[in-house]
Amino acid sequence: MRTTIIPAQITTVEDTIAGNLNLTQILLLISSLFINTFIYSFLPVRLAFTTYKIPLMVLVFAVCITLSLRIKQRIVLNWLVILATYAIRPHIYLFNKNAEFARHVVVHNEKPPKVHSKVQAPVLKAQPRLTLPFDYNSLIRNPSLNIRFKRNSVQVVKNYD
């Protein structure tokens, strides 16, 4: 009876179709062929090589070859997708570590320099600190609220038990 070793992590095994190429790499190379065929047959002066078609076809081929190269066991197209999803991720954070909530804030009372002028500046009252528009602690203290963290937002749901 013939036995084979099955890897513990099956998702790390990549299917190769032809040689060392996987399906994504083959589709990139074939798409280069189809795009170049479209350029050759449908752009002006049809079915003839012109001075603008050849560099355009070489550029398309070079881009597809570059996208199908492997760097650290991933193709360049996958790296670009990872970088794009990182760049377009939401940049809104619920909590700000620089917020002054629940912190002991030390206020330095500096004496203004003495001015020897006859005109007195109007004395301004110290403005009370603005309160936060939303009390985040009320979310924690209220047991009837359910907080759900989603990719783009924080959802607060009231439980009706």
C-alpha atoms as a PDB file:
ATOM      1  CA  MET A   1       0.000   0.000   0.000  1.00  0.00           C
ATOM      2  CA  ARG A   2       1.303   3.430  -0.964  1.00  0.00           C
ATOM      3  CA  THR A   3       1.391   6.181   1.650  1.00  0.00           C
ATOM      4  CA  THR A   4       1.931   9.902   1.264  1.00  0.00           C
ATOM      5  CA  ILE A   5       2.754  12.520   3.832  1.00  0.00           C
ATOM      6  CA  ILE A   6       0.090  15.167   4.222  1.00  0.00           C
ATOM      7  CA  PRO A   7       1.449  18.475   5.497  1.00  0.00           C
ATOM      8  CA  ALA A   8       0.042  19.728   8.797  1.00  0.00           C
ATOM      9  CA  GLN A   9      -0.816  23.102   7.306  1.00  0.00           C
ATOM     10  CA  ILE A  10      -2.521  22.378   3.999  1.00  0.00           C
ATOM     11  CA  THR A  11      -3.112  26.058   3.195  1.00  0.00           C
ATOM     12  CA  THR A  12       0.624  26.667   2.831  1.00  0.00           C
ATOM     13  CA  VAL A  13       0.949  24.190  -0.019  1.00  0.00           C
ATOM     14  CA  GLU A  14       0.628  25.982  -3.327  1.00  0.00           C
ATOM     15  CA  ASP A  15      -0.669  24.269  -6.436  1.00  0.00           C
ATOM     16  CA  THR A  16       1.686  24.494  -9.367  1.00  0.00           C
ATOM     17  CA  ILE A  17       0.297  23.882 -12.815  1.00  0.00           C
ATOM     18  CA  ALA A  18       3.173  24.149 -15.264  1.00  0.00           C
ATOM     19  CA  GLY A  19       6.673  23.898 -13.911  1.00  0.00           C
ATOM     20  CA  ASN A  20       6.968  26.329 -11.047  1.00  0.00           C
ATOM     21  CA  LEU A  21       4.068  28.564 -12.130  1.00  0.00           C
ATOM     22  CA  ASN A  22       0.778  28.757 -10.289  1.00  0.00           C
ATOM     23  CA  LEU A  23      -2.600  29.710 -11.755  1.00  0.00           C
ATOM     24  CA  THR A  24      -2.243  33.447 -11.044  1.00  0.00           C
ATOM     25  CA  GLN A  25       1.106  33.630 -12.814  1.00  0.00           C
ATOM     26  CA  ILE A  26      -0.226  31.768 -15.835  1.00  0.00           C
ATOM     27  CA  LEU A  27      -3.273  34.061 -16.009  1.00  0.00           C
ATOM     28  CA  LEU A  28      -1.012  37.132 -15.889  1.00  0.00           C
ATOM     29  CA  LEU A  29       1.084  35.822 -18.763  1.00  0.00           C
ATOM     30  CA  ILE A  30      -1.977  34.870 -20.810  1.00  0.00           C
ATOM     31  CA  SER A  31      -3.575  38.257 -20.142  1.00  0.00           C
ATOM     32  CA  SER A  32      -0.448  39.865 -21.580  1.00  0.00           C
ATOM     33  CA  LEU A  33      -0.984  37.831 -24.736  1.00  0.00           C
ATOM     34  CA  PHE A  34      -4.655  38.871 -25.023  1.00  0.00           C
ATOM     35  CA  ILE A  35      -3.943  42.552 -24.370  1.00  0.00           C
ATOM     36  CA  ASN A  36      -1.159  42.588 -26.962  1.00  0.00           C
ATOM     37  CA  THR A  37      -3.429  40.854 -29.472  1.00  0.00           C
ATOM     38  CA  PHE A  38      -6.070  43.523 -28.854  1.00  0.00           C
ATOM     39  CA  ILE A  39      -3.466  46.273 -29.365  1.00  0.00           C
ATOM     40  CA  TYR A  40      -2.255  44.672 -32.612  1.00  0.00           C
ATOM     41  CA  SER A  41      -5.673  44.072 -34.112  1.00  0.00           C
ATOM     42  CA  PHE A  42      -7.911  46.950 -32.974  1.00  0.00           C
ATOM     43  CA  LEU A  43      -5.777  50.077 -32.679  1.00  0.00           C
ATOM     44  CA  PRO A  44      -5.436  52.264 -35.787  1.00  0.00           C
ATOM     45  CA  VAL A  45      -3.589  50.811 -38.754  1.00  0.00           C
ATOM     46  CA  ARG A  46      -5.167  47.470 -37.976  1.00  0.00           C
ATOM     47  CA  LEU A  47      -3.236  44.219 -38.241  1.00  0.00           C
ATOM     48  CA  ALA A  48       0.066  45.994 -38.805  1.00  0.00           C
ATOM     49  CA  PHE A  49       2.997  46.858 -36.597  1.00  0.00           C
ATOM     50  CA  THR A  50       3.480  50.594 -36.149  1.00  0.00           C
ATOM     51  CA  THR A  51       5.955  52.707 -34.219  1.00  0.00           C
ATOM     52  CA  TYR A  52       3.584  53.246 -31.273  1.00  0.00           C
ATOM     53  CA  LYS A  53       2.247  49.679 -31.038  1.00  0.00           C
ATOM     54  CA  ILE A  54       5.538  47.899 -30.480  1.00  0.00           C
ATOM     55  CA  PRO A  55       6.645  49.928 -27.404  1.00  0.00           C
ATOM     56  CA  LEU A  56       3.113  49.678 -26.009  1.00  0.00           C
ATOM     57  CA  MET A  57       3.115  45.899 -26.453  1.00  0.00           C
ATOM     58  CA  VAL A  58       6.584  45.594 -24.876  1.00  0.00           C
ATOM     59  CA  LEU A  59       5.418  47.725 -21.938  1.00  0.00           C
ATOM     60  CA  VAL A  60       2.343  45.533 -21.358  1.00  0.00           C
ATOM     61  CA  PHE A  61       4.478  42.394 -21.553  1.00  0.00           C
ATOM     62  CA  ALA A  62       7.069  43.837 -19.128  1.00  0.00           C
ATOM     63  CA  VAL A  63       4.364  44.827 -16.625  1.00  0.00           C
ATOM     64  CA  CYS A  64       2.764  41.368 -16.714  1.00  0.00           C
ATOM     65  CA  ILE A  65       6.135  39.625 -16.371  1.00  0.00           C
ATOM     66  CA  THR A  66       7.039  41.888 -13.431  1.00  0.00           C
ATOM     67  CA  LEU A  67       3.712  41.236 -11.705  1.00  0.00           C
ATOM     68  CA  SER A  68       4.200  37.476 -12.047  1.00  0.00           C
ATOM     69  CA  LEU A  69       7.686  37.374 -10.474  1.00  0.00           C
ATOM     70  CA  ARG A  70       8.142  35.827  -7.037  1.00  0.00           C
ATOM     71  CA  ILE A  71       9.576  37.668  -4.050  1.00  0.00           C
ATOM     72  CA  LYS A  72       9.735  35.729  -0.766  1.00  0.00           C
ATOM     73  CA  GLN A  73       7.412  32.993  -2.064  1.00  0.00           C
ATOM     74  CA  ARG A  74       4.701  35.483  -3.126  1.00  0.00           C
ATOM     75  CA  ILE A  75       4.138  37.022  -6.499  1.00  0.00           C
ATOM     76  CA  VAL A  76       4.531  40.781  -6.897  1.00  0.00           C
ATOM     77  CA  LEU A  77       0.801  41.174  -7.606  1.00  0.00           C
ATOM     78  CA  ASN A  78       0.009  39.772  -4.133  1.00  0.00           C
ATOM     79  CA  TRP A  79       2.473  42.199  -2.533  1.00  0.00           C
ATOM     80  CA  LEU A  80       0.804  45.098  -4.349  1.00  0.00           C
ATOM     81  CA  VAL A  81      -2.626  43.956  -3.148  1.00  0.00           C
ATOM     82  CA  ILE A  82      -1.329  43.802   0.430  1.00  0.00           C
ATOM     83  CA  LEU A  83       0.164  47.291   0.177  1.00  0.00           C
ATOM     84  CA  ALA A  84      -3.019  48.680  -1.396  1.00  0.00           C
ATOM     85  CA  THR A  85      -5.265  47.259   1.322  1.00  0.00           C
ATOM     86  CA  TYR A  86      -2.916  48.711   3.923  1.00  0.00           C
ATOM     87  CA  ALA A  87      -2.989  52.130   2.267  1.00  0.00           C
ATOM     88  CA  ILE A  88      -6.795  52.276   1.932  1.00  0.00           C
ATOM     89  CA  ARG A  89      -7.590  50.908   5.392  1.00  0.00           C
ATOM     90  CA  PRO A  90      -9.694  53.116   7.654  1.00  0.00           C
ATOM     91  CA  HIS A  91      -7.656  55.627   9.612  1.00  0.00           C
ATOM     92  CA  ILE A  92     -10.299  56.497  12.192  1.00  0.00           C
ATOM     93  CA  TYR A  93      -9.560  55.349  15.700  1.00  0.00           C
ATOM     94  CA  LEU A  94     -12.064  55.238  18.537  1.00  0.00           C
ATOM     95  CA  PHE A  95      -9.622  55.994  21.328  1.00  0.00           C
ATOM     96  CA  ASN A  96      -6.848  58.539  21.173  1.00  0.00           C
ATOM     97  CA  LYS A  97      -3.901  57.926  23.444  1.00  0.00           C
ATOM     98  CA  ASN A  98      -3.239  61.659  23.533  1.00  0.00           C
ATOM     99  CA  ALA A  99      -6.665  62.484  24.961  1.00  0.00           C
ATOM    100  CA  GLU A 100      -6.680  64.124  28.380  1.00  0.00           C
ATOM    101  CA  PHE A 101      -9.536  62.007  29.680  1.00  0.00           C
ATOM    102  CA  ALA A 102      -8.818  60.430  33.095  1.00  0.00           C
ATOM    103  CA  ARG A 103      -5.360  61.977  33.228  1.00  0.00           C
ATOM    104  CA  HIS A 104      -3.837  64.198  35.826  1.00  0.00           C
ATOM    105  CA  VAL A 105      -3.093  67.351  33.865  1.00  0.00           C
ATOM    106  CA  VAL A 106      -0.502  69.643  35.378  1.00  0.00           C
ATOM    107  CA  VAL A 107      -1.214  73.273  34.605  1.00  0.00           C
ATOM    108  CA  HIS A 108       1.709  75.639  35.022  1.00  0.00           C
ATOM    109  CA  ASN A 109       0.701  79.073  36.235  1.00  0.00           C
ATOM    110  CA  GLU A 110       3.198  81.454  34.772  1.00  0.00           C
ATOM    111  CA  LYS A 111       3.236  85.029  35.913  1.00  0.00           C
ATOM    112  CA  PRO A 112       2.825  87.410  33.031  1.00  0.00           C
ATOM    113  CA  PRO A 113       5.654  89.898  32.681  1.00  0.00           C
ATOM    114  CA  LYS A 114       4.945  93.268  34.221  1.00  0.00           C
ATOM    115  CA  VAL A 115       4.049  95.846  31.674  1.00  0.00           C
ATOM    116  CA  HIS A 116       4.539  99.458  32.642  1.00  0.00           C
ATOM    117  CA  SER A 117       1.842 100.914  30.467  1.00  0.00           C
ATOM    118  CA  LYS A 118      -1.160 102.941  31.434  1.00  0.00           C
ATOM    119  CA  VAL A 119      -3.565 100.881  29.337  1.00  0.00           C
ATOM    120  CA  GLN A 120      -4.894  97.903  31.239  1.00  0.00           C
ATOM    121  CA  ALA A 121      -5.621  94.757  29.230  1.00  0.00           C
ATOM    122  CA  PRO A 122      -9.054  93.290  29.939  1.00  0.00           C
ATOM    123  CA  VAL A 123      -8.899  90.346  32.309  1.00  0.00           C
ATOM    124  CA  LEU A 124     -10.147  87.182  30.678  1.00  0.00           C
ATOM    125  CA  LYS A 125     -11.794  84.515  32.731  1.00  0.00           C
ATOM    126  CA  ALA A 126     -10.395  81.053  32.390  1.00  0.00           C
ATOM    127  CA  GLN A 127     -12.634  79.038  30.123  1.00  0.00           C
ATOM    128  CA  PRO A 128     -13.818  75.761  31.602  1.00  0.00           C
ATOM    129  CA  ARG A 129     -12.499  72.722  29.787  1.00  0.00           C
ATOM    130  CA  LEU A 130     -14.834  71.356  27.195  1.00  0.00           C
ATOM    131  CA  THR A 131     -16.266  67.985  28.011  1.00  0.00           C
ATOM    132  CA  LEU A 132     -16.016  65.137  25.592  1.00  0.00           C
ATOM    133  CA  PRO A 133     -19.019  64.860  23.283  1.00  0.00           C
ATOM    134  CA  PHE A 134     -19.486  61.246  24.268  1.00  0.00           C
ATOM    135  CA  ASP A 135     -18.800  59.483  27.529  1.00  0.00           C
ATOM    136  CA  TYR A 136     -16.883  56.345  26.616  1.00  0.00           C
ATOM    137  CA  ASN A 137     -17.079  55.023  30.162  1.00  0.00           C
ATOM    138  CA  SER A 138     -20.852  54.809  29.859  1.00  0.00           C
ATOM    139  CA  LEU A 139     -20.320  52.063  27.296  1.00  0.00           C
ATOM    140  CA  ILE A 140     -18.406  50.017  29.821  1.00  0.00           C
ATOM    141  CA  ARG A 141     -20.658  50.690  32.804  1.00  0.00           C
ATOM    142  CA  ASN A 142     -23.935  49.947  31.019  1.00  0.00           C
ATOM    143  CA  PRO A 143     -24.501  46.156  30.923  1.00  0.00           C
ATOM    144  CA  SER A 144     -27.419  46.489  28.503  1.00  0.00           C
ATOM    145  CA  LEU A 145     -25.133  47.706  25.700  1.00  0.00           C
ATOM    146  CA  ASN A 146     -23.321  45.374  23.375  1.00  0.00           C
ATOM    147  CA  ILE A 147     -20.234  46.711  21.586  1.00  0.00           C
ATOM    148  CA  ARG A 148     -19.229  45.231  18.242  1.00  0.00           C
ATOM    149  CA  PHE A 149     -15.983  46.213  16.573  1.00  0.00           C
ATOM    150  CA  LYS A 150     -16.245  46.029  12.794  1.00  0.00           C
ATOM    151  CA  ARG A 151     -13.693  46.765  10.113  1.00  0.00           C
ATOM    152  CA  ASN A 152     -14.931  50.277   9.415  1.00  0.00           C
ATOM    153  CA  SER A 153     -16.784  51.236  12.580  1.00  0.00           C
ATOM    154  CA  VAL A 154     -17.761  50.541  16.136  1.00  0.00           C
ATOM    155  CA  GLN A 155     -21.345  49.481  16.573  1.00  0.00           C
ATOM    156  CA  VAL A 156     -23.177  49.921  19.863  1.00  0.00           C
ATOM    157  CA  VAL A 157     -26.298  47.782  20.172  1.00  0.00           C
ATOM    158  CA  LYS A 158     -28.822  47.894  23.008  1.00  0.00           C
ATOM    159  CA  ASN A 159     -29.741  44.457  24.321  1.00  0.00           C
ATOM    160  CA  TYR A 160     -33.432  43.794  24.830  1.00  0.00           C
ATOM    161  CA  ASP A 161     -33.475  40.662  26.949  1.00  0.00           C
END
